[in-house]
Amino acid sequence: MSGISSARRLGTAFAILASLCTVASAQDAFKEFKQLDGSVKMPKLNAFIAPGGENSSAQTLRDVSLEAKLGPDSGPQLQGLSWYVFSPFAGADGKLPLVASSKGGSASFHLMPGDYFVNVSFGRAGVTKKLTVPESGVLQKQIMVLDAGGMVLNAVSGSDVRIPPDELSFSIYSNDAKEDGERGLVMSGVKPNTLVGLSAGTYHVVSEYGAVNAVIRADIQVETGKVTEATIQHKAAKITFKLVSDAGGEAIADTAWSILTSSGDIVGESLSAFPTMVLAEGQYTAIARNKDKIYQRDFAVAAGKNTDIEVLMKEQQPQDANDQQQPAQQIPIPSAQVQQNQAPQTKPAASGQQHPLPTYEQLAPSAGGDDGESMD
């Protein structure tokens, strides 16, 4: 009997232990369960019952129609609008829960009677108002005025050369500078031919063509109820570089490039056989490094004139027309030596003229000699 009692007591202990483990597991699972954040954007909802509302089950949904205009005299905006309806009761995080949303033009929601906050935005322009949905009676269409306009940006190179959209980018800043001189960024990475909604006012626009130094700035005004289309003119061009052994030859691989301004500042670098860079109008020097040798060429960039620049693997590089006046390096030669190497019948040079420089053979010392005299 004692053995049976011991077995029963042992079974009871195991049952209690199993029960405790089950309770502990449930508690752990409950602790790991994450409550939904009231601020998370919910899918489009067409109805909402205010928390704690009395007899809410007996209340009737009301149709609420919403419409937005860019200006008092504008027609209804049919695209680009974002609608958000919020509960007036703050959640545990202190934020107003989002209860309904819609995108496009005019919106319509089915809401329970009560108070709400409605926000409509058009790009970076927006307005919020309090909405009261009555239990009965006529509910007029809600019209909200944004006091906003639109901006569409584009750019050309030179007078009319089209720039590929993927090589062009815009940033929009507020027109007023802060105490530190910086402007507040409104929107970055704006692509051309994109409608951007903005509150009425003046904005500072920065247009970037390529990734080097082709940057243009402009102040553009946005008017209420209007779409402003602005085309910015870049004074730049697309340049492709090639290191070649002969003019018109194939580009030589394993070449490192550095592009310098006329003041010697590096504006672009590349490791490519024929890199392409967008450069602002001006004077530059292309330096090519290949197999521990350096070659260079001066060139000019004209707005809107995309071109190829060839750097020849020769000591003497062809210069642009406006670079032909660059003086050649001269070797200082004693005047007595110069006179000695002139032909006997040569008359003295006229005032202001230079004597021709002697050749290397005329200046080099004789074989085996160490006196530094000429070969004659």
Protein backbone atom coordinates (compact mmCIF):
# COMPACT_ATOMS: atom_id res chain seq x y z
CA MET A 1 0.00 0.00 0.00
CA SER A 2 2.84 2.33 0.83
CA GLY A 3 4.22 1.79 -2.66
CA ILE A 4 0.86 2.68 -4.19
CA SER A 5 0.60 5.82 -2.04
CA SER A 6 4.08 6.86 -3.03
CA ALA A 7 3.24 6.39 -6.69
CA ARG A 8 0.09 8.45 -6.30
CA ARG A 9 1.98 11.25 -4.55
CA LEU A 10 4.63 11.17 -7.30
CA GLY A 11 1.95 11.35 -10.00
CA THR A 12 0.29 14.25 -8.26
CA ALA A 13 3.63 16.11 -8.11
CA PHE A 14 4.19 15.55 -11.82
CA ALA A 15 0.69 16.85 -12.58
CA ILE A 16 1.27 19.98 -10.50
CA LEU A 17 4.63 20.55 -12.19
CA ALA A 18 3.09 20.14 -15.64
CA SER A 19 0.34 22.58 -14.72
CA LEU A 20 2.89 25.15 -13.54
CA CYS A 21 4.89 24.75 -16.76
CA THR A 22 1.72 25.30 -18.81
CA VAL A 23 0.87 28.46 -16.87
CA ALA A 24 4.47 29.74 -17.24
CA SER A 25 4.41 29.10 -21.00
CA ALA A 26 1.14 30.96 -21.38
CA GLN A 27 2.48 33.88 -19.39
CA ASP A 28 5.64 33.99 -21.54
CA ALA A 29 3.59 33.91 -24.72
CA PHE A 30 1.41 36.72 -23.39
CA LYS A 31 4.51 38.77 -22.59
CA GLU A 32 5.86 38.27 -26.13
CA PHE A 33 2.56 39.22 -27.74
CA LYS A 34 2.92 42.69 -29.30
CA GLN A 35 -0.04 45.00 -29.24
CA LEU A 36 -0.86 46.91 -32.41
CA ASP A 37 0.37 50.48 -32.40
CA GLY A 38 -2.53 52.85 -32.84
CA SER A 39 -0.37 55.06 -35.10
CA VAL A 40 0.10 52.37 -37.76
CA LYS A 41 -1.54 53.30 -41.05
CA MET A 42 -4.55 51.07 -41.56
CA PRO A 43 -6.00 49.97 -44.88
CA LYS A 44 -8.79 52.01 -46.35
CA LEU A 45 -11.66 52.01 -43.89
CA ASN A 46 -15.17 53.13 -44.62
CA ALA A 47 -16.56 53.14 -41.09
CA PHE A 48 -15.46 53.99 -37.58
CA ILE A 49 -17.19 53.72 -34.21
CA ALA A 50 -15.92 56.17 -31.62
CA PRO A 51 -14.54 54.39 -28.51
CA GLY A 52 -16.89 54.48 -25.56
CA GLY A 53 -19.79 55.73 -27.65
CA GLU A 54 -23.17 55.11 -26.08
CA ASN A 55 -25.57 52.86 -27.97
CA SER A 56 -23.05 52.76 -30.83
CA SER A 57 -24.56 49.55 -32.16
CA ALA A 58 -27.87 51.33 -32.70
CA GLN A 59 -26.32 54.31 -34.49
CA THR A 60 -26.42 54.62 -38.27
CA LEU A 61 -23.43 55.15 -40.57
CA ARG A 62 -23.41 58.50 -42.32
CA ASP A 63 -22.02 59.23 -45.79
CA VAL A 64 -19.39 61.96 -45.68
CA SER A 65 -18.23 63.50 -48.98
CA LEU A 66 -14.97 65.46 -49.08
CA GLU A 67 -13.59 67.74 -51.76
CA ALA A 68 -10.40 69.82 -51.97
CA LYS A 69 -9.44 72.87 -54.02
CA LEU A 70 -6.04 74.41 -54.57
CA GLY A 71 -7.53 77.89 -54.26
CA PRO A 72 -10.89 79.53 -53.47
CA ASP A 73 -11.63 80.07 -57.14
CA SER A 74 -10.21 76.75 -58.37
CA GLY A 75 -12.19 73.72 -59.39
CA PRO A 76 -12.07 70.45 -57.44
CA GLN A 77 -8.64 68.79 -57.51
CA LEU A 78 -9.05 65.46 -59.25
CA GLN A 79 -5.65 63.86 -58.59
CA GLY A 80 -2.68 63.86 -56.27
CA LEU A 81 -4.69 64.20 -53.03
CA SER A 82 -4.17 62.16 -49.85
CA TRP A 83 -7.00 62.04 -47.32
CA TYR A 84 -6.64 60.97 -43.67
CA VAL A 85 -9.36 60.77 -41.01
CA PHE A 86 -8.22 60.64 -37.37
CA SER A 87 -10.02 59.84 -34.15
CA PRO A 88 -10.08 62.76 -31.69
CA PHE A 89 -9.14 60.42 -28.84
CA ALA A 90 -5.39 60.00 -28.38
CA GLY A 91 -4.01 56.49 -28.07
CA ALA A 92 -1.63 55.14 -25.45
CA ASP A 93 1.29 56.65 -27.36
CA GLY A 94 -0.26 60.10 -27.27
CA LYS A 95 -1.02 60.12 -31.01
CA LEU A 96 -4.36 60.33 -32.74
CA PRO A 97 -5.21 56.95 -34.33
CA LEU A 98 -5.74 56.90 -38.07
CA VAL A 99 -9.17 55.42 -38.82
CA ALA A 100 -9.65 55.97 -42.56
CA SER A 101 -7.65 57.05 -45.60
CA SER A 102 -7.99 57.54 -49.33
CA LYS A 103 -5.86 58.71 -52.26
CA GLY A 104 -6.71 60.34 -55.58
CA GLY A 105 -9.26 63.13 -55.97
CA SER A 106 -12.47 63.68 -54.00
CA ALA A 107 -13.19 61.18 -51.23
CA SER A 108 -16.22 59.61 -49.55
CA PHE A 109 -16.29 57.85 -46.17
CA HIS A 110 -18.95 56.04 -44.11
CA LEU A 111 -18.51 57.26 -40.55
CA MET A 112 -20.39 56.91 -37.29
CA PRO A 113 -21.72 60.13 -35.75
CA GLY A 114 -19.09 61.92 -33.74
CA ASP A 115 -16.09 64.21 -34.00
CA TYR A 116 -13.07 63.65 -36.25
CA PHE A 117 -10.02 65.42 -37.60
CA VAL A 118 -9.66 65.38 -41.40
CA ASN A 119 -6.36 66.10 -43.14
CA VAL A 120 -5.88 66.50 -46.89
CA SER A 121 -2.49 66.96 -48.52
CA PHE A 122 -1.33 67.77 -52.03
CA GLY A 123 2.37 67.01 -52.16
CA ARG A 124 3.96 69.18 -49.47
CA ALA A 125 0.86 71.35 -49.03
CA GLY A 126 -1.80 70.32 -46.54
CA VAL A 127 -4.64 71.51 -44.34
CA THR A 128 -6.51 69.99 -41.37
CA LYS A 129 -9.99 70.72 -40.06
CA LYS A 130 -12.34 69.37 -37.40
CA LEU A 131 -15.31 67.43 -38.72
CA THR A 132 -18.51 66.74 -36.77
CA VAL A 133 -20.79 64.03 -38.12
CA PRO A 134 -24.33 64.54 -36.74
CA GLU A 135 -26.67 61.71 -35.89
CA SER A 136 -29.38 63.11 -38.15
CA GLY A 137 -30.06 65.93 -40.54
CA VAL A 138 -28.43 66.97 -43.78
CA LEU A 139 -24.64 66.58 -43.96
CA GLN A 140 -23.24 68.96 -46.58
CA LYS A 141 -20.22 68.14 -48.73
CA GLN A 142 -17.06 69.21 -46.94
CA ILE A 143 -14.87 71.49 -49.09
CA MET A 144 -11.28 72.20 -48.02
CA VAL A 145 -9.07 74.90 -49.57
CA LEU A 146 -5.34 74.16 -49.65
CA ASP A 147 -3.99 77.55 -50.81
CA ALA A 148 -1.49 75.61 -52.92
CA GLY A 149 -0.19 75.24 -56.43
CA GLY A 150 1.92 72.87 -58.47
CA MET A 151 5.43 72.89 -59.89
CA VAL A 152 6.75 70.88 -62.84
CA LEU A 153 10.51 71.07 -63.42
CA ASN A 154 12.64 70.28 -66.45
CA ALA A 155 16.02 71.32 -67.87
CA VAL A 156 17.98 71.53 -71.12
CA SER A 157 21.67 71.71 -71.93
CA GLY A 158 22.73 74.75 -73.91
CA SER A 159 19.83 76.34 -75.75
CA ASP A 160 17.70 73.30 -76.55
CA VAL A 161 19.60 70.00 -76.05
CA ARG A 162 17.35 67.53 -74.22
CA ILE A 163 18.80 65.99 -71.05
CA PRO A 164 17.94 62.32 -70.32
CA PRO A 165 15.66 62.21 -67.25
CA ASP A 166 17.89 59.71 -65.41
CA GLU A 167 20.79 62.20 -65.53
CA LEU A 168 18.79 65.06 -64.06
CA SER A 169 17.65 65.72 -60.50
CA PHE A 170 16.09 68.62 -58.60
CA SER A 171 16.03 69.68 -54.96
CA ILE A 172 13.50 72.20 -53.65
CA TYR A 173 14.35 74.48 -50.72
CA SER A 174 12.45 77.17 -48.87
CA ASN A 175 13.28 80.65 -50.07
CA ASP A 176 13.98 82.02 -46.59
CA ALA A 177 17.43 81.31 -45.18
CA LYS A 178 17.93 80.34 -41.55
CA GLU A 179 20.22 82.12 -39.08
CA ASP A 180 23.15 79.95 -40.18
CA GLY A 181 22.51 80.85 -43.84
CA GLU A 182 21.13 77.42 -44.74
CA ARG A 183 17.76 76.92 -46.43
CA GLY A 184 15.23 74.38 -45.27
CA LEU A 185 14.97 71.37 -47.57
CA VAL A 186 11.41 70.86 -48.78
CA MET A 187 11.94 67.93 -51.17
CA SER A 188 14.97 66.22 -52.72
CA GLY A 189 15.46 63.82 -55.62
CA VAL A 190 12.63 65.32 -57.67
CA LYS A 191 12.59 63.89 -61.18
CA PRO A 192 11.77 66.00 -64.26
CA ASN A 193 8.20 66.26 -65.53
CA THR A 194 6.84 65.37 -62.08
CA LEU A 195 3.96 67.38 -60.61
CA VAL A 196 4.96 68.56 -57.13
CA GLY A 197 2.30 70.05 -54.88
CA LEU A 198 3.46 73.01 -52.79
CA SER A 199 1.97 75.75 -50.67
CA ALA A 200 1.86 79.07 -52.48
CA GLY A 201 5.14 80.96 -52.23
CA THR A 202 8.64 81.29 -53.64
CA TYR A 203 11.07 78.35 -53.59
CA HIS A 204 14.79 77.94 -54.25
CA VAL A 205 15.38 75.15 -56.78
CA VAL A 206 18.74 73.42 -57.33
CA SER A 207 19.12 71.49 -60.60
CA GLU A 208 21.92 68.90 -60.90
CA TYR A 209 22.94 67.53 -64.30
CA GLY A 210 25.22 64.54 -63.93
CA ALA A 211 27.36 64.06 -60.82
CA VAL A 212 30.31 66.44 -61.27
CA ASN A 213 29.85 70.22 -61.32
CA ALA A 214 26.90 71.04 -63.57
CA VAL A 215 24.64 72.74 -61.00
CA ILE A 216 22.17 75.58 -61.63
CA ARG A 217 20.09 77.45 -59.02
CA ALA A 218 16.89 79.40 -59.55
CA ASP A 219 14.07 80.98 -57.53
CA ILE A 220 10.63 79.87 -58.72
CA GLN A 221 7.26 81.19 -57.55
CA VAL A 222 4.24 78.95 -57.00
CA GLU A 223 0.85 80.65 -57.29
CA THR A 224 -2.38 79.49 -55.68
CA GLY A 225 -4.46 77.32 -57.98
CA LYS A 226 -1.87 77.26 -60.76
CA VAL A 227 0.75 74.83 -62.01
CA THR A 228 4.10 76.47 -62.74
CA GLU A 229 6.19 74.77 -65.43
CA ALA A 230 9.86 75.80 -65.27
CA THR A 231 12.68 74.79 -67.62
CA ILE A 232 16.20 75.44 -66.34
CA GLN A 233 19.05 75.98 -68.80
CA HIS A 234 22.30 74.22 -67.96
CA LYS A 235 25.56 75.59 -69.35
CA ALA A 236 27.19 72.20 -69.57
CA ALA A 237 27.93 69.31 -71.90
CA LYS A 238 28.60 65.58 -71.80
CA ILE A 239 32.26 64.74 -72.49
CA THR A 240 33.68 61.27 -73.23
CA PHE A 241 37.42 60.71 -72.78
CA LYS A 242 39.67 58.24 -74.60
CA LEU A 243 43.38 57.50 -74.41
CA VAL A 244 44.51 56.45 -77.91
CA SER A 245 47.79 55.67 -79.63
CA ASP A 246 46.65 57.42 -82.84
CA ALA A 247 43.88 59.87 -83.61
CA GLY A 248 40.58 58.05 -84.05
CA GLY A 249 41.99 54.83 -82.58
CA GLU A 250 40.54 52.44 -80.03
CA ALA A 251 40.43 53.48 -76.39
CA ILE A 252 43.22 51.94 -74.31
CA ALA A 253 42.06 49.99 -71.26
CA ASP A 254 43.42 50.16 -67.70
CA THR A 255 43.54 53.94 -67.75
CA ALA A 256 43.00 56.19 -64.74
CA TRP A 257 41.56 59.64 -65.39
CA SER A 258 41.65 62.93 -63.51
CA ILE A 259 39.85 66.02 -64.79
CA LEU A 260 41.16 69.37 -63.53
CA THR A 261 39.75 72.87 -63.80
CA SER A 262 41.86 75.75 -65.10
CA SER A 263 42.77 76.54 -61.48
CA GLY A 264 44.04 72.99 -60.89
CA ASP A 265 41.12 71.65 -58.82
CA ILE A 266 40.12 68.02 -59.45
CA VAL A 267 36.43 67.82 -60.36
CA GLY A 268 36.20 64.26 -61.65
CA GLU A 269 38.07 60.94 -61.50
CA SER A 270 37.46 57.59 -63.15
CA LEU A 271 38.98 54.16 -63.81
CA SER A 272 37.62 53.38 -67.25
CA ALA A 273 38.75 53.06 -70.85
CA PHE A 274 36.35 55.78 -71.99
CA PRO A 275 34.58 57.53 -69.09
CA THR A 276 31.79 60.02 -69.68
CA MET A 277 31.31 63.07 -67.46
CA VAL A 278 28.97 66.03 -67.51
CA LEU A 279 31.03 69.19 -67.08
CA ALA A 280 30.05 72.81 -66.70
CA GLU A 281 31.16 75.23 -69.39
CA GLY A 282 34.83 76.21 -69.04
CA GLN A 283 38.50 75.24 -69.49
CA TYR A 284 39.83 71.89 -68.24
CA THR A 285 42.82 69.56 -68.36
CA ALA A 286 42.42 65.80 -68.87
CA ILE A 287 45.17 63.67 -67.28
CA ALA A 288 45.41 59.98 -68.23
CA ARG A 289 47.60 57.51 -66.34
CA ASN A 290 48.50 54.21 -68.02
CA LYS A 291 51.35 51.84 -67.10
CA ASP A 292 53.21 54.38 -64.95
CA LYS A 293 53.07 56.97 -67.72
CA ILE A 294 51.08 60.18 -67.68
CA TYR A 295 49.51 61.91 -70.66
CA GLN A 296 47.47 65.08 -70.65
CA ARG A 297 45.53 67.46 -72.84
CA ASP A 298 43.85 70.82 -72.34
CA PHE A 299 40.33 71.20 -73.67
CA ALA A 300 37.30 73.47 -73.48
CA VAL A 301 33.65 72.65 -72.76
CA ALA A 302 30.94 74.60 -74.59
CA ALA A 303 27.32 74.53 -73.39
CA GLY A 304 25.21 71.91 -75.14
CA LYS A 305 28.05 70.55 -77.29
CA ASN A 306 28.55 66.90 -76.31
CA THR A 307 31.87 65.66 -77.66
CA ASP A 308 34.74 63.16 -77.37
CA ILE A 309 38.17 64.20 -76.12
CA GLU A 310 41.08 62.05 -77.30
CA VAL A 311 44.36 62.08 -75.40
CA LEU A 312 47.22 60.85 -77.61
CA MET A 313 50.04 58.73 -76.23
CA LYS A 314 52.60 61.26 -77.41
CA GLU A 315 54.69 63.91 -75.70
CA GLN A 316 53.16 66.68 -77.81
CA GLN A 317 49.39 66.92 -77.53
CA PRO A 318 47.13 68.78 -79.96
CA GLN A 319 45.79 71.96 -78.38
CA ASP A 320 42.49 73.70 -78.85
CA ALA A 321 42.48 76.86 -80.93
CA ASN A 322 42.36 79.09 -77.88
CA ASP A 323 45.30 77.26 -76.29
CA GLN A 324 47.83 77.74 -79.13
CA GLN A 325 49.41 80.77 -77.48
CA GLN A 326 50.78 78.66 -74.63
CA PRO A 327 54.58 79.33 -74.55
CA ALA A 328 56.88 76.37 -75.07
CA GLN A 329 59.53 75.55 -72.50
CA GLN A 330 62.90 77.08 -73.39
CA ILE A 331 66.42 75.91 -72.49
CA PRO A 332 68.71 78.71 -71.20
CA ILE A 333 71.75 78.91 -73.53
CA PRO A 334 74.78 81.25 -73.09
CA SER A 335 74.74 83.99 -75.73
CA ALA A 336 78.32 83.23 -76.83
CA GLN A 337 77.39 79.67 -77.68
CA VAL A 338 74.37 80.82 -79.66
CA GLN A 339 76.48 83.17 -81.75
CA GLN A 340 79.07 80.46 -82.31
CA ASN A 341 76.54 78.08 -83.81
CA GLN A 342 75.12 80.58 -86.26
CA ALA A 343 76.03 80.41 -89.96
CA PRO A 344 78.83 82.89 -90.96
CA GLN A 345 76.61 84.76 -93.44
CA THR A 346 73.71 85.27 -90.99
CA LYS A 347 72.97 88.91 -90.35
CA PRO A 348 72.20 90.12 -86.83
CA ALA A 349 68.57 89.61 -85.93
CA ALA A 350 66.30 92.61 -85.94
CA SER A 351 65.36 94.15 -82.64
CA GLY A 352 62.59 92.21 -80.88
CA GLN A 353 63.27 88.90 -82.71
CA GLN A 354 64.61 85.73 -81.04
CA HIS A 355 67.46 83.57 -82.35
CA PRO A 356 66.47 80.02 -83.22
CA LEU A 357 67.33 77.53 -80.48
CA PRO A 358 70.27 75.21 -81.28
CA THR A 359 69.62 71.50 -81.74
CA TYR A 360 70.47 68.88 -79.15
CA GLU A 361 73.43 67.63 -81.29
CA GLN A 362 74.88 71.14 -81.35
CA LEU A 363 74.71 71.46 -77.56
CA ALA A 364 75.75 67.93 -76.48
CA PRO A 365 79.43 67.42 -75.48
CA SER A 366 81.64 65.30 -77.75
CA ALA A 367 81.99 61.60 -77.05
CA GLY A 368 84.35 60.96 -74.17
CA GLY A 369 84.77 64.67 -73.50
CA ASP A 370 84.04 66.26 -70.15
CA ASP A 371 84.74 69.94 -70.81
CA GLY A 372 81.15 70.80 -71.70
CA GLU A 373 82.10 72.48 -74.99
CA SER A 374 80.16 72.10 -78.22
CA MET A 375 80.94 69.39 -80.76
CA ASP A 376 82.40 71.86 -83.31
